[in-house]
C-alpha atoms as a PDB file:
ATOM      1  CA  MET A   1      35.741 -50.103  -3.239  1.00  0.00           C
ATOM      2  CA  LEU A   2      38.595 -52.475  -4.082  1.00  0.00           C
ATOM      3  CA  SER A   3      38.598 -53.591  -7.724  1.00  0.00           C
ATOM      4  CA  LEU A   4      40.331 -56.818  -8.749  1.00  0.00           C
ATOM      5  CA  ASN A   5      41.258 -57.954 -12.245  1.00  0.00           C
ATOM      6  CA  LEU A   6      41.135 -61.732 -12.022  1.00  0.00           C
ATOM      7  CA  SER A   7      43.722 -62.047 -14.775  1.00  0.00           C
ATOM      8  CA  ASP A   8      46.242 -60.400 -12.411  1.00  0.00           C
ATOM      9  CA  LEU A   9      45.631 -62.878  -9.575  1.00  0.00           C
ATOM     10  CA  THR A  10      47.291 -66.197  -8.841  1.00  0.00           C
ATOM     11  CA  LEU A  11      45.182 -69.342  -8.819  1.00  0.00           C
ATOM     12  CA  HIS A  12      45.199 -69.382  -5.007  1.00  0.00           C
ATOM     13  CA  GLU A  13      44.141 -65.738  -4.859  1.00  0.00           C
ATOM     14  CA  LYS A  14      41.304 -66.315  -7.339  1.00  0.00           C
ATOM     15  CA  GLN A  15      40.104 -69.267  -5.306  1.00  0.00           C
ATOM     16  CA  ASN A  16      40.130 -67.318  -2.059  1.00  0.00           C
ATOM     17  CA  TRP A  17      38.395 -64.214  -3.382  1.00  0.00           C
ATOM     18  CA  LEU A  18      35.690 -66.139  -5.242  1.00  0.00           C
ATOM     19  CA  ASN A  19      35.046 -68.769  -2.575  1.00  0.00           C
ATOM     20  CA  HIS A  20      34.696 -66.179   0.170  1.00  0.00           C
ATOM     21  CA  ALA A  21      32.436 -63.954  -1.926  1.00  0.00           C
ATOM     22  CA  ILE A  22      30.166 -66.521  -3.578  1.00  0.00           C
ATOM     23  CA  ALA A  23      28.747 -68.210  -0.514  1.00  0.00           C
ATOM     24  CA  PRO A  24      27.082 -70.003   1.107  1.00  0.00           C
ATOM     25  CA  ARG A  25      27.203 -72.898  -1.353  1.00  0.00           C
ATOM     26  CA  PRO A  26      25.228 -76.130  -0.828  1.00  0.00           C
ATOM     27  CA  ILE A  27      27.316 -79.289  -0.641  1.00  0.00           C
ATOM     28  CA  ALA A  28      26.760 -82.282  -2.907  1.00  0.00           C
ATOM     29  CA  LEU A  29      28.233 -85.443  -1.427  1.00  0.00           C
ATOM     30  CA  ALA A  30      28.658 -87.363  -4.682  1.00  0.00           C
ATOM     31  CA  SER A  31      28.949 -91.130  -4.790  1.00  0.00           C
ATOM     32  CA  THR A  32      30.135 -92.681  -8.054  1.00  0.00           C
ATOM     33  CA  ILE A  33      31.431 -96.024  -9.300  1.00  0.00           C
ATOM     34  CA  ASP A  34      33.932 -97.081 -11.956  1.00  0.00           C
ATOM     35  CA  LYS A  35      33.513 -99.887 -14.494  1.00  0.00           C
ATOM     36  CA  GLU A  36      35.303-102.319 -12.150  1.00  0.00           C
ATOM     37  CA  GLY A  37      32.830-101.564  -9.354  1.00  0.00           C
ATOM     38  CA  ASN A  38      35.117 -99.405  -7.184  1.00  0.00           C
ATOM     39  CA  VAL A  39      33.130 -96.755  -5.324  1.00  0.00           C
ATOM     40  CA  ASN A  40      34.194 -93.156  -4.733  1.00  0.00           C
ATOM     41  CA  LEU A  41      32.662 -90.632  -2.355  1.00  0.00           C
ATOM     42  CA  SER A  42      33.554 -86.937  -2.410  1.00  0.00           C
ATOM     43  CA  PRO A  43      31.915 -83.571  -1.563  1.00  0.00           C
ATOM     44  CA  PHE A  44      31.564 -80.635  -3.964  1.00  0.00           C
ATOM     45  CA  SER A  45      30.321 -77.151  -3.127  1.00  0.00           C
ATOM     46  CA  PHE A  46      30.224 -76.007  -6.745  1.00  0.00           C
ATOM     47  CA  PHE A  47      26.696 -77.412  -6.868  1.00  0.00           C
ATOM     48  CA  ASN A  48      23.086 -76.354  -7.338  1.00  0.00           C
ATOM     49  CA  LEU A  49      19.653 -77.034  -8.833  1.00  0.00           C
ATOM     50  CA  PHE A  50      19.098 -75.760 -12.374  1.00  0.00           C
ATOM     51  CA  SER A  51      15.793 -77.228 -13.584  1.00  0.00           C
ATOM     52  CA  TYR A  52      12.569 -78.606 -12.139  1.00  0.00           C
ATOM     53  CA  ASN A  53      11.209 -80.280 -15.253  1.00  0.00           C
ATOM     54  CA  PRO A  54      13.266 -82.273 -15.882  1.00  0.00           C
ATOM     55  CA  GLY A  55      14.909 -82.157 -12.462  1.00  0.00           C
ATOM     56  CA  VAL A  56      18.511 -81.249 -13.265  1.00  0.00           C
ATOM     57  CA  VAL A  57      21.393 -80.585 -10.912  1.00  0.00           C
ATOM     58  CA  VAL A  58      24.916 -79.475 -11.789  1.00  0.00           C
ATOM     59  CA  PHE A  59      28.124 -79.895  -9.823  1.00  0.00           C
ATOM     60  CA  SER A  60      31.748 -79.358 -10.746  1.00  0.00           C
ATOM     61  CA  PRO A  61      34.690 -81.593  -9.820  1.00  0.00           C
ATOM     62  CA  SER A  62      37.243 -79.008 -10.954  1.00  0.00           C
ATOM     63  CA  ARG A  63      40.743 -79.937 -12.094  1.00  0.00           C
ATOM     64  CA  ARG A  64      43.229 -80.085  -9.253  1.00  0.00           C
ATOM     65  CA  GLY A  65      45.037 -76.833  -8.619  1.00  0.00           C
ATOM     66  CA  ARG A  66      48.473 -78.367  -8.204  1.00  0.00           C
ATOM     67  CA  ASP A  67      48.741 -80.472 -11.374  1.00  0.00           C
ATOM     68  CA  LYS A  68      45.604 -79.971 -13.534  1.00  0.00           C
ATOM     69  CA  THR A  69      44.585 -83.630 -13.142  1.00  0.00           C
ATOM     70  CA  THR A  70      40.933 -84.681 -12.972  1.00  0.00           C
ATOM     71  CA  LYS A  71      39.342 -86.068  -9.828  1.00  0.00           C
ATOM     72  CA  HIS A  72      38.277 -89.664  -9.296  1.00  0.00           C
ATOM     73  CA  THR A  73      34.610 -88.617  -9.264  1.00  0.00           C
ATOM     74  CA  LEU A  74      34.895 -87.237 -12.788  1.00  0.00           C
ATOM     75  CA  ASP A  75      36.904 -90.232 -14.006  1.00  0.00           C
ATOM     76  CA  ASN A  76      34.226 -92.571 -12.685  1.00  0.00           C
ATOM     77  CA  ILE A  77      31.427 -90.591 -14.332  1.00  0.00           C
ATOM     78  CA  HIS A  78      33.157 -90.893 -17.700  1.00  0.00           C
ATOM     79  CA  GLU A  79      33.157 -94.680 -17.186  1.00  0.00           C
ATOM     80  CA  VAL A  80      29.721 -95.033 -15.553  1.00  0.00           C
ATOM     81  CA  PRO A  81      27.581 -91.907 -16.160  1.00  0.00           C
ATOM     82  CA  GLU A  82      25.597 -92.134 -12.942  1.00  0.00           C
ATOM     83  CA  VAL A  83      25.875 -90.390  -9.576  1.00  0.00           C
ATOM     84  CA  VAL A  84      24.072 -90.170  -6.265  1.00  0.00           C
ATOM     85  CA  ILE A  85      23.890 -86.641  -4.868  1.00  0.00           C
ATOM     86  CA  ASN A  86      23.624 -86.936  -1.101  1.00  0.00           C
ATOM     87  CA  ILE A  87      22.763 -83.674   0.654  1.00  0.00           C
ATOM     88  CA  CYS A  88      25.104 -82.643   3.472  1.00  0.00           C
ATOM     89  CA  ASP A  89      23.492 -81.700   6.777  1.00  0.00           C
ATOM     90  CA  TYR A  90      24.969 -80.770  10.140  1.00  0.00           C
ATOM     91  CA  ASN A  91      24.836 -84.301  11.522  1.00  0.00           C
ATOM     92  CA  ILE A  92      27.378 -85.587   8.988  1.00  0.00           C
ATOM     93  CA  VAL A  93      29.438 -82.493   8.142  1.00  0.00           C
ATOM     94  CA  HIS A  94      32.698 -83.719   9.672  1.00  0.00           C
ATOM     95  CA  GLN A  95      32.372 -87.096   7.966  1.00  0.00           C
ATOM     96  CA  VAL A  96      31.652 -85.320   4.694  1.00  0.00           C
ATOM     97  CA  SER A  97      34.774 -83.200   5.145  1.00  0.00           C
ATOM     98  CA  LEU A  98      36.854 -86.305   5.875  1.00  0.00           C
ATOM     99  CA  SER A  99      35.695 -87.877   2.619  1.00  0.00           C
ATOM    100  CA  SER A 100      37.262 -84.952   0.734  1.00  0.00           C
ATOM    101  CA  CYS A 101      40.801 -86.153   1.515  1.00  0.00           C
ATOM    102  CA  GLU A 102      42.865 -86.992  -1.571  1.00  0.00           C
ATOM    103  CA  TYR A 103      43.005 -90.741  -0.986  1.00  0.00           C
ATOM    104  CA  PRO A 104      44.541 -93.017  -3.649  1.00  0.00           C
ATOM    105  CA  LYS A 105      42.341 -94.149  -6.539  1.00  0.00           C
ATOM    106  CA  ASP A 106      41.179 -97.488  -5.102  1.00  0.00           C
ATOM    107  CA  THR A 107      40.391 -96.174  -1.603  1.00  0.00           C
ATOM    108  CA  ASP A 108      36.801 -96.539  -0.429  1.00  0.00           C
ATOM    109  CA  GLU A 109      35.882 -93.200   1.141  1.00  0.00           C
ATOM    110  CA  PHE A 110      32.806 -94.785   2.716  1.00  0.00           C
ATOM    111  CA  LEU A 111      35.173 -96.764   4.933  1.00  0.00           C
ATOM    112  CA  LYS A 112      37.438 -93.778   5.595  1.00  0.00           C
ATOM    113  CA  SER A 113      34.563 -91.465   6.548  1.00  0.00           C
ATOM    114  CA  GLY A 114      32.549 -94.030   8.472  1.00  0.00           C
ATOM    115  CA  LEU A 115      29.500 -93.458   6.289  1.00  0.00           C
ATOM    116  CA  THR A 116      27.262 -96.377   5.319  1.00  0.00           C
ATOM    117  CA  LYS A 117      26.594 -97.673   1.814  1.00  0.00           C
ATOM    118  CA  LEU A 118      22.950 -98.120   0.868  1.00  0.00           C
ATOM    119  CA  SER A 119      22.041 -99.716  -2.456  1.00  0.00           C
ATOM    120  CA  SER A 120      20.370 -97.444  -4.970  1.00  0.00           C
ATOM    121  CA  ILE A 121      17.152 -98.471  -6.705  1.00  0.00           C
ATOM    122  CA  LYS A 122      17.764 -97.326 -10.274  1.00  0.00           C
ATOM    123  CA  ILE A 123      21.519 -96.796 -10.651  1.00  0.00           C
ATOM    124  CA  LYS A 124      24.770 -98.515  -9.706  1.00  0.00           C
ATOM    125  CA  PRO A 125      26.490 -96.080  -7.280  1.00  0.00           C
ATOM    126  CA  PRO A 126      25.362 -96.523  -3.660  1.00  0.00           C
ATOM    127  CA  ARG A 127      23.635 -93.918  -1.541  1.00  0.00           C
ATOM    128  CA  VAL A 128      24.835 -92.580   1.805  1.00  0.00           C
ATOM    129  CA  ALA A 129      22.500 -94.061   4.406  1.00  0.00           C
ATOM    130  CA  GLU A 130      23.097 -91.228   6.889  1.00  0.00           C
ATOM    131  CA  ALA A 131      22.132 -88.482   4.406  1.00  0.00           C
ATOM    132  CA  LYS A 132      18.530 -87.380   4.895  1.00  0.00           C
ATOM    133  CA  VAL A 133      18.154 -86.553   1.187  1.00  0.00           C
ATOM    134  CA  GLN A 134      19.594 -88.803  -1.522  1.00  0.00           C
ATOM    135  CA  MET A 135      19.115 -88.223  -5.250  1.00  0.00           C
ATOM    136  CA  GLU A 136      19.831 -90.926  -7.806  1.00  0.00           C
ATOM    137  CA  CYS A 137      20.938 -89.243 -11.035  1.00  0.00           C
ATOM    138  CA  LYS A 138      21.744 -90.092 -14.632  1.00  0.00           C
ATOM    139  CA  VAL A 139      24.504 -87.925 -16.091  1.00  0.00           C
ATOM    140  CA  LEU A 140      23.280 -86.068 -19.178  1.00  0.00           C
ATOM    141  CA  GLU A 141      26.496 -84.273 -20.100  1.00  0.00           C
ATOM    142  CA  VAL A 142      29.938 -83.322 -18.856  1.00  0.00           C
ATOM    143  CA  LYS A 143      30.850 -79.800 -19.913  1.00  0.00           C
ATOM    144  CA  SER A 144      34.532 -78.924 -19.603  1.00  0.00           C
ATOM    145  CA  LEU A 145      35.391 -75.287 -18.859  1.00  0.00           C
ATOM    146  CA  GLY A 146      39.050 -75.798 -19.687  1.00  0.00           C
ATOM    147  CA  GLU A 147      42.222 -77.774 -19.017  1.00  0.00           C
ATOM    148  CA  LEU A 148      43.931 -75.302 -16.690  1.00  0.00           C
ATOM    149  CA  ALA A 149      44.463 -75.907 -12.995  1.00  0.00           C
ATOM    150  CA  GLY A 150      41.187 -75.158 -11.248  1.00  0.00           C
ATOM    151  CA  SER A 151      39.096 -75.329 -14.430  1.00  0.00           C
ATOM    152  CA  GLY A 152      35.542 -76.487 -13.778  1.00  0.00           C
ATOM    153  CA  GLN A 153      34.171 -79.700 -15.230  1.00  0.00           C
ATOM    154  CA  LEU A 154      30.401 -79.352 -15.084  1.00  0.00           C
ATOM    155  CA  VAL A 155      28.518 -82.575 -14.474  1.00  0.00           C
ATOM    156  CA  ILE A 156      24.938 -82.048 -15.633  1.00  0.00           C
ATOM    157  CA  ALA A 157      22.728 -84.758 -14.169  1.00  0.00           C
ATOM    158  CA  GLU A 158      19.028 -85.568 -14.155  1.00  0.00           C
ATOM    159  CA  VAL A 159      17.450 -86.624 -10.878  1.00  0.00           C
ATOM    160  CA  ILE A 160      15.471 -89.776 -11.611  1.00  0.00           C
ATOM    161  CA  CYS A 161      14.733 -90.910  -8.060  1.00  0.00           C
ATOM    162  CA  MET A 162      14.772 -88.997  -4.785  1.00  0.00           C
ATOM    163  CA  HIS A 163      14.803 -90.451  -1.264  1.00  0.00           C
ATOM    164  CA  VAL A 164      13.817 -88.317   1.744  1.00  0.00           C
ATOM    165  CA  ASP A 165      14.014 -89.321   5.402  1.00  0.00           C
ATOM    166  CA  GLU A 166      10.601 -89.156   7.083  1.00  0.00           C
ATOM    167  CA  SER A 167      12.107 -87.308  10.059  1.00  0.00           C
ATOM    168  CA  ILE A 168      12.448 -84.094   8.044  1.00  0.00           C
ATOM    169  CA  LEU A 169       8.940 -84.068   6.541  1.00  0.00           C
ATOM    170  CA  ASN A 170       6.129 -81.731   7.558  1.00  0.00           C
ATOM    171  CA  ALA A 171       3.029 -82.841   9.464  1.00  0.00           C
ATOM    172  CA  ASP A 172       1.193 -84.363   6.506  1.00  0.00           C
ATOM    173  CA  ALA A 173       4.374 -85.737   4.914  1.00  0.00           C
ATOM    174  CA  SER A 174       3.777 -83.687   1.764  1.00  0.00           C
ATOM    175  CA  MET A 175       6.984 -81.637   1.821  1.00  0.00           C
ATOM    176  CA  ILE A 176      10.352 -81.200   3.496  1.00  0.00           C
ATOM    177  CA  GLU A 177      10.005 -79.052   6.621  1.00  0.00           C
ATOM    178  CA  GLN A 178      12.751 -76.467   6.208  1.00  0.00           C
ATOM    179  CA  THR A 179      13.358 -76.159   9.933  1.00  0.00           C
ATOM    180  CA  LYS A 180      14.110 -79.885  10.224  1.00  0.00           C
ATOM    181  CA  LEU A 181      16.744 -80.313   7.518  1.00  0.00           C
ATOM    182  CA  HIS A 182      19.790 -78.545   8.874  1.00  0.00           C
ATOM    183  CA  HIS A 183      21.615 -77.895   5.621  1.00  0.00           C
ATOM    184  CA  VAL A 184      25.316 -77.188   5.791  1.00  0.00           C
ATOM    185  CA  ALA A 185      26.883 -74.839   3.267  1.00  0.00           C
ATOM    186  CA  ARG A 186      30.432 -74.051   2.292  1.00  0.00           C
ATOM    187  CA  LEU A 187      32.032 -70.638   2.655  1.00  0.00           C
ATOM    188  CA  GLY A 188      35.661 -69.601   2.134  1.00  0.00           C
ATOM    189  CA  GLY A 189      38.648 -71.338   3.701  1.00  0.00           C
ATOM    190  CA  ASP A 190      37.653 -73.536   6.638  1.00  0.00           C
ATOM    191  CA  TRP A 191      34.356 -71.742   7.143  1.00  0.00           C
ATOM    192  CA  TYR A 192      30.933 -73.400   6.927  1.00  0.00           C
ATOM    193  CA  CYS A 193      27.449 -72.388   7.989  1.00  0.00           C
ATOM    194  CA  VAL A 194      24.402 -74.324   9.141  1.00  0.00           C
ATOM    195  CA  VAL A 195      20.746 -73.552   8.432  1.00  0.00           C
ATOM    196  CA  ASN A 196      18.638 -73.944  11.554  1.00  0.00           C
ATOM    197  CA  GLU A 197      15.699 -72.433  13.415  1.00  0.00           C
ATOM    198  CA  ASP A 198      17.888 -69.662  14.846  1.00  0.00           C
ATOM    199  CA  ASN A 199      18.888 -68.171  11.498  1.00  0.00           C
ATOM    200  CA  LEU A 200      15.926 -68.950   9.234  1.00  0.00           C
ATOM    201  CA  PHE A 201      13.652 -66.130   8.150  1.00  0.00           C
ATOM    202  CA  LYS A 202      10.995 -65.590   5.508  1.00  0.00           C
ATOM    203  CA  VAL A 203      10.802 -63.002   2.750  1.00  0.00           C
ATOM    204  CA  THR A 204       7.299 -62.497   1.396  1.00  0.00           C
ATOM    205  CA  LYS A 205       7.286 -62.761  -2.378  1.00  0.00           C
ATOM    206  CA  PRO A 206       4.773 -61.002  -4.667  1.00  0.00           C
ATOM    207  CA  ASN A 207       3.532 -64.184  -6.340  1.00  0.00           C
ATOM    208  CA  LYS A 208       0.188 -62.971  -7.702  1.00  0.00           C
ATOM    209  CA  GLU A 209       0.046 -59.248  -7.028  1.00  0.00           C
ATOM    210  CA  LEU A 210       2.704 -56.811  -8.215  1.00  0.00           C
ATOM    211  CA  GLY A 211       4.352 -54.738  -5.514  1.00  0.00           C
ATOM    212  CA  ILE A 212       3.952 -50.973  -5.860  1.00  0.00           C
ATOM    213  CA  GLY A 213       7.741 -50.484  -5.975  1.00  0.00           C
ATOM    214  CA  PHE A 214      10.029 -47.866  -4.445  1.00  0.00           C
ATOM    215  CA  ASP A 215       8.909 -45.196  -6.891  1.00  0.00           C
ATOM    216  CA  ALA A 216       5.341 -45.321  -5.540  1.00  0.00           C
ATOM    217  CA  LEU A 217       6.329 -44.799  -1.921  1.00  0.00           C
ATOM    218  CA  PRO A 218       5.457 -41.426  -0.348  1.00  0.00           C
ATOM    219  CA  GLN A 219       8.436 -39.087  -0.485  1.00  0.00           C
ATOM    220  CA  SER A 220       8.754 -38.796   3.286  1.00  0.00           C
ATOM    221  CA  ILE A 221       9.079 -42.580   3.530  1.00  0.00           C
ATOM    222  CA  LYS A 222      11.326 -43.014   0.506  1.00  0.00           C
ATOM    223  CA  THR A 223      13.818 -40.464   1.830  1.00  0.00           C
ATOM    224  CA  SER A 224      13.726 -41.711   5.418  1.00  0.00           C
ATOM    225  CA  LYS A 225      17.026 -41.585   7.312  1.00  0.00           C
ATOM    226  CA  ILE A 226      15.791 -44.370   9.602  1.00  0.00           C
ATOM    227  CA  LEU A 227      14.318 -47.003   7.286  1.00  0.00           C
ATOM    228  CA  SER A 228      16.792 -49.241   5.467  1.00  0.00           C
ATOM    229  CA  GLY A 229      16.609 -50.388   1.869  1.00  0.00           C
ATOM    230  CA  ASN A 230      15.257 -53.724   3.098  1.00  0.00           C
ATOM    231  CA  ASN A 231      12.582 -51.911   5.114  1.00  0.00           C
ATOM    232  CA  LEU A 232      11.536 -49.832   2.116  1.00  0.00           C
ATOM    233  CA  ALA A 233      11.342 -52.959  -0.033  1.00  0.00           C
ATOM    234  CA  GLN A 234       9.001 -54.536   2.510  1.00  0.00           C
ATOM    235  CA  LEU A 235       6.752 -51.483   2.300  1.00  0.00           C
ATOM    236  CA  ALA A 236       6.977 -51.426  -1.510  1.00  0.00           C
ATOM    237  CA  ASN A 237       5.964 -55.088  -1.764  1.00  0.00           C
ATOM    238  CA  VAL A 238       2.266 -54.356  -1.115  1.00  0.00           C
ATOM    239  CA  LYS A 239      -0.145 -54.306  -4.053  1.00  0.00           C
ATOM    240  CA  GLU A 240      -1.406 -50.876  -2.958  1.00  0.00           C
ATOM    241  CA  ILE A 241      -0.784 -48.429  -0.148  1.00  0.00           C
ATOM    242  CA  PRO A 242      -3.191 -49.413   2.642  1.00  0.00           C
ATOM    243  CA  ALA A 243      -5.958 -47.077   3.732  1.00  0.00           C
ATOM    244  CA  VAL A 244      -5.663 -45.564   7.180  1.00  0.00           C
ATOM    245  CA  ASP A 245      -7.407 -47.936   9.575  1.00  0.00           C
ATOM    246  CA  ALA A 246      -9.392 -45.914  12.119  1.00  0.00           C
ATOM    247  CA  ALA A 247      -9.660 -49.010  14.274  1.00  0.00           C
ATOM    248  CA  PHE A 248      -5.888 -49.443  14.502  1.00  0.00           C
ATOM    249  CA  ASP A 249      -5.145 -49.134  18.210  1.00  0.00           C
ATOM    250  CA  ASP A 250      -1.516 -49.099  19.311  1.00  0.00           C
ATOM    251  CA  GLU A 251      -0.282 -47.907  22.685  1.00  0.00           C
ATOM    252  CA  GLN A 252       3.258 -47.075  21.539  1.00  0.00           C
ATOM    253  CA  LEU A 253       1.876 -45.023  18.655  1.00  0.00           C
ATOM    254  CA  LYS A 254      -0.291 -43.065  21.094  1.00  0.00           C
ATOM    255  CA  ASN A 255       2.760 -42.375  23.249  1.00  0.00           C
ATOM    256  CA  ILE A 256       4.717 -41.061  20.280  1.00  0.00           C
ATOM    257  CA  PHE A 257       1.951 -38.581  19.466  1.00  0.00           C
ATOM    258  CA  GLN A 258       1.641 -37.567  23.099  1.00  0.00           C
ATOM    259  CA  TYR A 259       5.317 -36.853  23.709  1.00  0.00           C
ATOM    260  CA  TYR A 260       6.521 -35.609  20.315  1.00  0.00           C
ATOM    261  CA  ALA A 261       3.524 -33.760  18.844  1.00  0.00           C
ATOM    262  CA  ILE A 262       5.114 -30.347  19.456  1.00  0.00           C
ATOM    263  CA  ASP A 263       8.093 -31.203  17.218  1.00  0.00           C
ATOM    264  CA  PRO A 264       6.956 -32.646  13.855  1.00  0.00           C
ATOM    265  CA  GLU A 265      10.492 -33.561  12.759  1.00  0.00           C
ATOM    266  CA  GLU A 266      11.229 -35.436  15.998  1.00  0.00           C
ATOM    267  CA  MET A 267       7.839 -37.136  15.811  1.00  0.00           C
ATOM    268  CA  GLU A 268       8.551 -38.328  12.259  1.00  0.00           C
ATOM    269  CA  ASN A 269      11.865 -39.805  13.421  1.00  0.00           C
ATOM    270  CA  GLU A 270      10.139 -41.648  16.260  1.00  0.00           C
ATOM    271  CA  LEU A 271       7.403 -42.934  13.949  1.00  0.00           C
ATOM    272  CA  HIS A 272      10.029 -44.199  11.501  1.00  0.00           C
ATOM    273  CA  LYS A 273      11.967 -45.856  14.334  1.00  0.00           C
ATOM    274  CA  TYR A 274       8.832 -47.639  15.475  1.00  0.00           C
ATOM    275  CA  ALA A 275       7.926 -48.606  11.898  1.00  0.00           C
ATOM    276  CA  LYS A 276      11.409 -50.041  11.448  1.00  0.00           C
ATOM    277  CA  GLN A 277      10.979 -52.112  14.603  1.00  0.00           C
ATOM    278  CA  LEU A 278       7.700 -53.480  13.243  1.00  0.00           C
ATOM    279  CA  LEU A 279       9.194 -54.197   9.824  1.00  0.00           C
ATOM    280  CA  ASP A 280      12.097 -56.039  11.409  1.00  0.00           C
ATOM    281  CA  GLU A 281       9.407 -58.217  13.005  1.00  0.00           C
ATOM    282  CA  ASN A 282       7.806 -58.605   9.545  1.00  0.00           C
ATOM    283  CA  LYS A 283       4.688 -56.660  10.639  1.00  0.00           C
ATOM    284  CA  VAL A 284       4.241 -54.789   7.382  1.00  0.00           C
ATOM    285  CA  TYR A 285       0.587 -53.798   7.791  1.00  0.00           C
ATOM    286  CA  GLU A 286       1.214 -52.385  11.262  1.00  0.00           C
ATOM    287  CA  ALA A 287       4.259 -50.463  10.008  1.00  0.00           C
ATOM    288  CA  TRP A 288       2.186 -48.912   7.247  1.00  0.00           C
ATOM    289  CA  GLN A 289      -0.433 -47.810   9.790  1.00  0.00           C
ATOM    290  CA  VAL A 290       2.251 -46.169  11.915  1.00  0.00           C
ATOM    291  CA  LEU A 291       3.749 -44.356   8.930  1.00  0.00           C
ATOM    292  CA  LEU A 292       0.362 -43.256   7.602  1.00  0.00           C
ATOM    293  CA  SER A 293      -0.757 -41.958  10.994  1.00  0.00           C
ATOM    294  CA  GLN A 294       1.277 -38.772  10.609  1.00  0.00           C
ATOM    295  CA  ALA A 295      -0.445 -37.891   7.342  1.00  0.00           C
ATOM    296  CA  ASP A 296      -3.759 -38.664   8.978  1.00  0.00           C
END
């Protein structure tokens, strides 16, 4: 494995290694305003949620790499400590990227990007009408991480009002439907990714019951040459090893026993292959029944 001492790297090298490794990163399209009323709009992928109660988000308009200067977004926040965080989705990603251009101080990036101003309810900076999620925020603190080129300037902001487009809500309008909000995230270089129905998947979390853990798995399963670490974690996420279900009826399992019964090692491999297939389809109970059938 390649080991890198960041102190030995140039600024550009640090940026490339870190940005490619720490990804995907959600994009905050931040709209701010200065004391004269000039609006700025700019995207930041050094951004995330850090508290529910209060609702706190943090993003970082880092110092410019070429000359250490601060960005207009940060300058505005020092004058008017308010910001709208507009969430970037696939429908506006190219406009969001265009707004990142280093336009002169008094340039209105709303006009440059073709995005539409929408008055906020509780703060001065406008929202982006095309963004399906808009969060009006009061800035609590600006935490500087240094004065070097590329040094982060953390803007810690409390969400005081959130606007959500009805088109991305679930059936009873009680929550955002994850498959409807096609988030865009930043990767390294010119690379981005989009969250949509084709790449979404669920990971069952042990919210109330503790999973048995890897150490409680039967040895033959734990040392499997077929099952991956992810597969084993799925099996280890049950509260207890299931009992063998005599009523479990599976045609492929019957075929495995019919054709491989004379060679126990080959049969175990086939059972593990089938269990892996089931686990990849998130059929954990069925996979357990297949794996337990050999012991039975």
